[in-house]
Amino acid sequence: MKKPLVVSVLASSRMNGFTATLLSNAVDALFRNGCDVEHINLYEETIAPCRGCFCCIRTREGCIQKDGMGKNGRVYNLLKGANGLIAASPVYHWTYNAALHAFLERFYPTHWNGFANGLPFAAITCASNQGFQTEALRDLCKFGFTVNLRYIGGVAAHAALMDKAKKMAFELGERLSRYAHEDLERGRTWFDETAKWKHYMSSIWPPFEPYMSNITQGAYDVEHSLPYEVVVSENFGNKEAVNHLRSCVDNLRKTLATMRLRTREESLNVFLEASLEWTKATWKELLQKELGPMPEEYRKDEKQ
């Protein structure tokens, strides 16, 4: 009987360090619950940063770089066959480290070929000095949101409480094993934008407030928002892009009004429309000349 495959990623050069120990406990739980595990130490792989060349958009075939995360790379091909992913990083400068960041950057092609959409994803961060392991875990959860992974939980650990952290890591492995079995047995369900936003709203990194802060440039009003400033400045020349901008502004105005009067879920539904209009406007104005129309794979199941 086929077992679900989980890819385990360690972003530490210390094979027996705190972070590695926690990941080992999670992997032990995965094995005990009937999963196969392929382990990757990022310090033993060659994975370059993303070049921003957009070849993956044009071809839909993955990255052209000839390394572990290229379209023919060992790590990339393991991920293509995986039913789950768990990544563990020590905390460097209050977030996850550069080795893991380079690996995660290279998920960009999955926007266009979609194989990782909905892939169950768990994370471990471990600090040994001031901490900020929780902020690092939030950053990893945010990454999962950006590339459409299904974040199922994580452990934000400090080495001062290793016994507790090891137990939590084992329990995280048990949880991930259940999702991996479901992914194998039932097949993966596409994680559309609405479902993804609602899923992450109950996570350690709920996206509504950060995204609203971003698009309104921290002001939480329409007149200081990016779309409104672009409309007023008349910087966009593409008429379709301008129409999308105006629609975005209208939906932002509705979102802010709804936030004062109704539930967060009702506000989120309106805000998703604003977000989509902003995406379409910037694509048509800034990217379409080089890359063509926005691919159907991007924000699939929404109106293009």
Protein backbone atom coordinates (compact mmCIF):
# COMPACT_ATOMS: atom_id res chain seq x y z
CA MET A 1 0.00 0.00 0.00
CA LYS A 2 1.38 3.37 -1.02
CA LYS A 3 2.39 5.71 1.79
CA PRO A 4 2.13 9.49 1.72
CA LEU A 5 5.43 11.27 1.11
CA VAL A 6 6.47 14.21 3.27
CA VAL A 7 9.50 16.35 2.40
CA SER A 8 11.43 17.44 5.49
CA VAL A 9 13.64 20.53 5.07
CA LEU A 10 16.32 21.52 7.56
CA ALA A 11 17.80 25.02 7.23
CA SER A 12 20.66 24.55 9.67
CA SER A 13 24.28 23.46 9.31
CA ARG A 14 24.19 22.00 12.83
CA MET A 15 23.11 18.42 12.28
CA ASN A 16 22.56 17.82 15.99
CA GLY A 17 21.54 21.32 17.03
CA PHE A 18 18.33 22.54 18.60
CA THR A 19 16.48 23.03 15.30
CA ALA A 20 17.58 19.67 13.90
CA THR A 21 16.48 17.95 17.10
CA LEU A 22 12.99 19.42 16.87
CA LEU A 23 12.64 18.49 13.21
CA SER A 24 13.80 14.96 14.04
CA ASN A 25 10.98 14.65 16.60
CA ALA A 26 8.42 15.73 14.00
CA VAL A 27 9.86 13.28 11.47
CA ASP A 28 9.71 10.49 14.04
CA ALA A 29 5.97 11.14 14.41
CA LEU A 30 5.56 11.10 10.62
CA PHE A 31 7.27 7.70 10.37
CA ARG A 32 5.24 6.27 13.25
CA ASN A 33 2.05 7.40 11.53
CA GLY A 34 2.75 5.65 8.24
CA CYS A 35 4.46 8.33 6.16
CA ASP A 36 7.57 8.11 4.04
CA VAL A 37 9.94 11.03 4.57
CA GLU A 38 12.58 12.48 2.26
CA HIS A 39 14.97 14.65 4.25
CA ILE A 40 16.77 17.64 2.75
CA ASN A 41 19.50 19.67 4.43
CA LEU A 42 19.68 22.99 2.59
CA TYR A 43 23.35 23.35 3.48
CA GLU A 44 24.06 20.27 1.37
CA GLU A 45 22.11 21.54 -1.65
CA THR A 46 22.80 24.15 -4.31
CA ILE A 47 19.81 26.46 -4.47
CA ALA A 48 20.31 29.92 -5.92
CA PRO A 49 18.04 32.93 -5.35
CA CYS A 50 15.23 33.65 -7.81
CA ARG A 51 16.47 35.78 -10.76
CA GLY A 52 13.11 37.36 -11.52
CA CYS A 53 13.48 36.36 -15.18
CA PHE A 54 9.79 35.30 -15.51
CA CYS A 55 10.69 32.27 -17.67
CA CYS A 56 8.50 30.12 -15.42
CA ILE A 57 5.49 32.27 -16.36
CA ARG A 58 6.17 31.98 -20.07
CA THR A 59 6.78 28.22 -20.12
CA ARG A 60 4.78 26.91 -17.11
CA GLU A 61 7.52 24.28 -16.85
CA GLY A 62 9.33 25.35 -13.72
CA CYS A 63 12.57 27.26 -13.23
CA ILE A 64 15.32 27.28 -15.88
CA GLN A 65 18.13 27.45 -13.32
CA LYS A 66 20.18 24.27 -13.16
CA ASP A 67 20.21 23.59 -9.45
CA GLY A 68 18.18 21.74 -6.81
CA MET A 69 15.04 23.81 -7.38
CA GLY A 70 15.30 23.98 -11.18
CA LYS A 71 12.71 22.13 -13.24
CA ASN A 72 14.98 19.07 -13.37
CA GLY A 73 16.38 19.49 -9.88
CA ARG A 74 16.30 16.79 -7.22
CA VAL A 75 14.58 18.91 -4.58
CA TYR A 76 11.98 20.30 -6.98
CA ASN A 77 11.08 16.85 -8.24
CA LEU A 78 10.73 15.52 -4.70
CA LEU A 79 8.27 18.32 -3.96
CA LYS A 80 6.26 17.49 -7.07
CA GLY A 81 5.56 14.05 -5.63
CA ALA A 82 5.01 15.14 -2.04
CA ASN A 83 1.84 15.01 0.07
CA GLY A 84 3.27 17.28 2.74
CA LEU A 85 6.14 19.66 3.52
CA ILE A 86 7.74 20.56 6.83
CA ALA A 87 10.50 23.17 7.12
CA ALA A 88 12.60 24.01 10.17
CA SER A 89 14.87 27.02 10.63
CA PRO A 90 16.90 28.57 13.42
CA VAL A 91 16.06 32.22 14.09
CA TYR A 92 18.61 34.59 12.53
CA HIS A 93 18.06 38.34 12.93
CA TRP A 94 14.56 37.70 14.27
CA THR A 95 13.33 35.64 11.30
CA TYR A 96 14.07 32.45 9.37
CA ASN A 97 17.49 32.29 7.76
CA ALA A 98 18.86 32.98 4.27
CA ALA A 99 19.19 29.30 3.33
CA LEU A 100 15.47 28.75 3.84
CA HIS A 101 14.59 32.07 2.21
CA ALA A 102 16.40 31.09 -1.00
CA PHE A 103 14.58 27.75 -1.05
CA LEU A 104 11.20 29.38 -0.49
CA GLU A 105 11.78 32.05 -3.14
CA ARG A 106 12.07 29.31 -5.71
CA PHE A 107 8.44 28.27 -5.20
CA TYR A 108 7.50 31.08 -7.57
CA PRO A 109 7.00 28.72 -10.56
CA THR A 110 4.30 26.89 -8.61
CA HIS A 111 2.03 29.90 -9.14
CA TRP A 112 1.95 28.97 -12.82
CA ASN A 113 2.03 25.17 -12.84
CA GLY A 114 0.02 24.84 -9.63
CA PHE A 115 1.45 21.55 -8.33
CA ALA A 116 2.01 22.89 -4.80
CA ASN A 117 -1.38 24.56 -4.48
CA GLY A 118 -3.00 23.19 -1.31
CA LEU A 119 0.08 21.17 -0.28
CA PRO A 120 -0.05 20.66 3.52
CA PHE A 121 2.73 22.73 5.09
CA ALA A 122 4.10 22.84 8.65
CA ALA A 123 6.96 24.87 10.07
CA ILE A 124 9.33 24.98 13.03
CA THR A 125 11.38 27.97 14.18
CA CYS A 126 13.87 27.79 17.02
CA ALA A 127 15.64 30.60 18.88
CA SER A 128 18.41 30.33 21.44
CA ASN A 129 18.98 33.89 22.58
CA GLN A 130 16.54 36.83 22.62
CA GLY A 131 13.85 34.88 20.84
CA PHE A 132 11.49 36.20 18.15
CA GLN A 133 10.72 32.59 17.23
CA THR A 134 7.03 33.53 17.05
CA GLU A 135 7.70 36.35 14.59
CA ALA A 136 9.80 33.96 12.51
CA LEU A 137 6.94 31.46 12.48
CA ARG A 138 4.53 34.19 11.38
CA ASP A 139 6.89 34.95 8.49
CA LEU A 140 6.83 31.30 7.42
CA CYS A 141 3.05 31.21 7.65
CA LYS A 142 2.95 34.34 5.45
CA PHE A 143 5.14 32.54 2.92
CA GLY A 144 2.66 29.67 2.84
CA PHE A 145 -0.11 32.13 2.08
CA THR A 146 1.78 33.77 -0.78
CA VAL A 147 2.38 30.50 -2.65
CA ASN A 148 -0.95 28.84 -1.81
CA LEU A 149 0.29 26.14 0.56
CA ARG A 150 -2.16 24.83 3.17
CA TYR A 151 -0.53 25.88 6.44
CA ILE A 152 -1.59 23.36 9.07
CA GLY A 153 0.38 24.60 12.05
CA GLY A 154 3.82 25.23 13.48
CA VAL A 155 6.08 25.30 16.52
CA ALA A 156 7.74 28.51 17.67
CA ALA A 157 10.37 27.15 20.05
CA HIS A 158 13.05 28.50 22.35
CA ALA A 159 16.01 26.34 23.33
CA ALA A 160 15.42 27.24 26.97
CA LEU A 161 12.30 25.02 26.88
CA MET A 162 13.48 22.14 24.73
CA ASP A 163 11.55 19.35 26.46
CA LYS A 164 8.28 21.16 25.88
CA ALA A 165 9.30 22.06 22.31
CA LYS A 166 10.19 18.45 21.44
CA LYS A 167 6.74 17.31 22.54
CA MET A 168 5.12 20.04 20.47
CA ALA A 169 7.23 19.10 17.43
CA PHE A 170 6.16 15.46 17.74
CA GLU A 171 2.51 16.54 17.92
CA LEU A 172 3.03 18.74 14.85
CA GLY A 173 4.39 15.71 12.98
CA GLU A 174 1.31 13.72 13.97
CA ARG A 175 -0.94 16.51 12.70
CA LEU A 176 0.92 16.80 9.40
CA SER A 177 0.72 13.02 8.93
CA ARG A 178 -3.09 13.20 9.01
CA TYR A 179 -3.13 15.89 6.34
CA ALA A 180 -0.59 13.99 4.23
CA HIS A 181 -2.71 10.81 4.34
CA GLU A 182 -5.76 12.84 3.31
CA ASP A 183 -3.81 14.46 0.47
CA LEU A 184 -2.82 11.04 -0.86
CA GLU A 185 -6.14 9.27 -0.37
CA ARG A 186 -8.62 11.97 -1.42
CA GLY A 187 -6.46 13.94 -3.83
CA ARG A 188 -5.56 17.57 -3.49
CA THR A 189 -8.30 20.15 -3.62
CA TRP A 190 -7.43 23.40 -5.39
CA PHE A 191 -6.92 26.20 -2.87
CA ASP A 192 -8.77 29.10 -4.53
CA GLU A 193 -8.29 32.66 -3.29
CA THR A 194 -11.46 32.85 -1.20
CA ALA A 195 -10.84 29.51 0.50
CA LYS A 196 -7.19 30.39 1.08
CA TRP A 197 -7.97 33.74 2.69
CA LYS A 198 -10.58 32.22 4.97
CA HIS A 199 -8.24 29.38 5.92
CA TYR A 200 -5.41 31.75 6.86
CA MET A 201 -7.65 34.12 8.79
CA SER A 202 -7.51 31.62 11.66
CA SER A 203 -3.74 31.11 11.38
CA ILE A 204 -0.83 32.74 13.18
CA TRP A 205 -0.63 35.22 10.26
CA PRO A 206 -4.17 36.36 9.36
CA PRO A 207 -3.68 38.28 6.08
CA PHE A 208 -6.51 40.82 6.19
CA GLU A 209 -4.91 43.50 8.36
CA PRO A 210 -1.38 43.29 6.83
CA TYR A 211 -2.81 43.41 3.31
CA MET A 212 -5.10 46.32 4.16
CA SER A 213 -2.16 48.16 5.72
CA ASN A 214 -0.08 47.50 2.60
CA ILE A 215 -2.61 48.66 0.03
CA THR A 216 -3.59 51.75 2.07
CA GLN A 217 0.08 52.47 2.90
CA GLY A 218 -0.64 52.20 6.61
CA ALA A 219 -3.35 54.89 6.61
CA TYR A 220 -6.46 52.66 6.49
CA ASP A 221 -8.29 55.17 4.30
CA VAL A 222 -8.97 55.33 0.57
CA GLU A 223 -7.35 58.71 -0.14
CA HIS A 224 -3.92 57.48 0.97
CA SER A 225 -4.18 54.08 -0.74
CA LEU A 226 -1.91 52.99 -3.58
CA PRO A 227 -4.77 52.54 -6.12
CA TYR A 228 -6.24 55.97 -5.31
CA GLU A 229 -2.86 57.72 -5.63
CA VAL A 230 -2.21 56.02 -8.98
CA VAL A 231 -5.65 57.06 -10.29
CA VAL A 232 -5.16 60.67 -9.19
CA SER A 233 -1.62 60.87 -10.55
CA GLU A 234 -2.73 59.42 -13.92
CA ASN A 235 0.44 57.32 -14.02
CA PHE A 236 -1.28 54.42 -15.77
CA GLY A 237 -1.92 54.71 -19.49
CA ASN A 238 -3.70 51.42 -20.14
CA LYS A 239 -7.45 52.17 -20.13
CA GLU A 240 -8.38 48.68 -18.87
CA ALA A 241 -5.86 49.03 -16.05
CA VAL A 242 -7.35 52.38 -15.06
CA ASN A 243 -10.85 50.85 -15.01
CA HIS A 244 -9.61 48.09 -12.73
CA LEU A 245 -7.99 50.70 -10.49
CA ARG A 246 -11.25 52.63 -10.17
CA SER A 247 -13.10 49.41 -9.34
CA CYS A 248 -10.44 48.62 -6.76
CA VAL A 249 -10.91 52.04 -5.14
CA ASP A 250 -14.69 51.55 -5.05
CA ASN A 251 -14.29 48.17 -3.37
CA LEU A 252 -11.75 49.56 -0.89
CA ARG A 253 -14.26 52.25 0.06
CA LYS A 254 -16.94 49.57 0.54
CA THR A 255 -14.52 47.44 2.58
CA LEU A 256 -13.72 50.26 4.98
CA ALA A 257 -17.40 51.04 5.41
CA THR A 258 -18.21 47.36 5.97
CA MET A 259 -15.45 47.06 8.58
CA ARG A 260 -17.26 49.64 10.70
CA LEU A 261 -20.74 48.14 10.36
CA ARG A 262 -20.52 44.40 9.74
CA THR A 263 -18.52 41.26 10.41
CA ARG A 264 -14.93 40.65 9.38
CA GLU A 265 -16.07 37.90 6.99
CA GLU A 266 -18.36 40.31 5.13
CA SER A 267 -15.53 42.85 4.94
CA LEU A 268 -13.18 40.18 3.64
CA ASN A 269 -15.51 39.22 0.79
CA VAL A 270 -15.59 42.81 -0.46
CA PHE A 271 -11.86 43.26 0.08
CA LEU A 272 -11.07 40.21 -2.05
CA GLU A 273 -12.71 42.00 -4.99
CA ALA A 274 -10.53 45.06 -4.35
CA SER A 275 -7.44 42.86 -4.17
CA LEU A 276 -8.26 41.17 -7.46
CA GLU A 277 -8.87 44.48 -9.24
CA TRP A 278 -5.51 45.79 -7.99
CA THR A 279 -3.79 42.63 -9.23
CA LYS A 280 -5.38 42.93 -12.68
CA ALA A 281 -4.64 46.66 -12.94
CA THR A 282 -0.94 46.32 -12.09
CA TRP A 283 -0.56 43.30 -14.35
CA LYS A 284 -2.11 45.05 -17.36
CA GLU A 285 -0.10 48.23 -16.87
CA LEU A 286 3.26 46.92 -15.68
CA LEU A 287 3.64 43.30 -16.80
CA GLN A 288 1.40 42.56 -19.78
CA LYS A 289 3.70 44.08 -22.42
CA GLU A 290 6.50 41.71 -21.43
CA LEU A 291 4.56 38.66 -20.25
CA GLY A 292 1.22 38.76 -22.06
CA PRO A 293 -2.23 38.51 -20.43
CA MET A 294 -2.46 37.41 -16.80
CA PRO A 295 -2.28 33.58 -16.85
CA GLU A 296 -5.39 31.60 -15.96
CA GLU A 297 -3.34 29.75 -13.34
CA TYR A 298 -2.84 32.96 -11.38
CA ARG A 299 -5.68 33.48 -8.89
CA LYS A 300 -7.54 30.64 -10.55
CA ASP A 301 -11.30 30.29 -10.04
CA GLU A 302 -11.76 34.05 -10.01
CA LYS A 303 -12.95 36.19 -12.92
CA GLN A 304 -10.10 37.03 -15.26
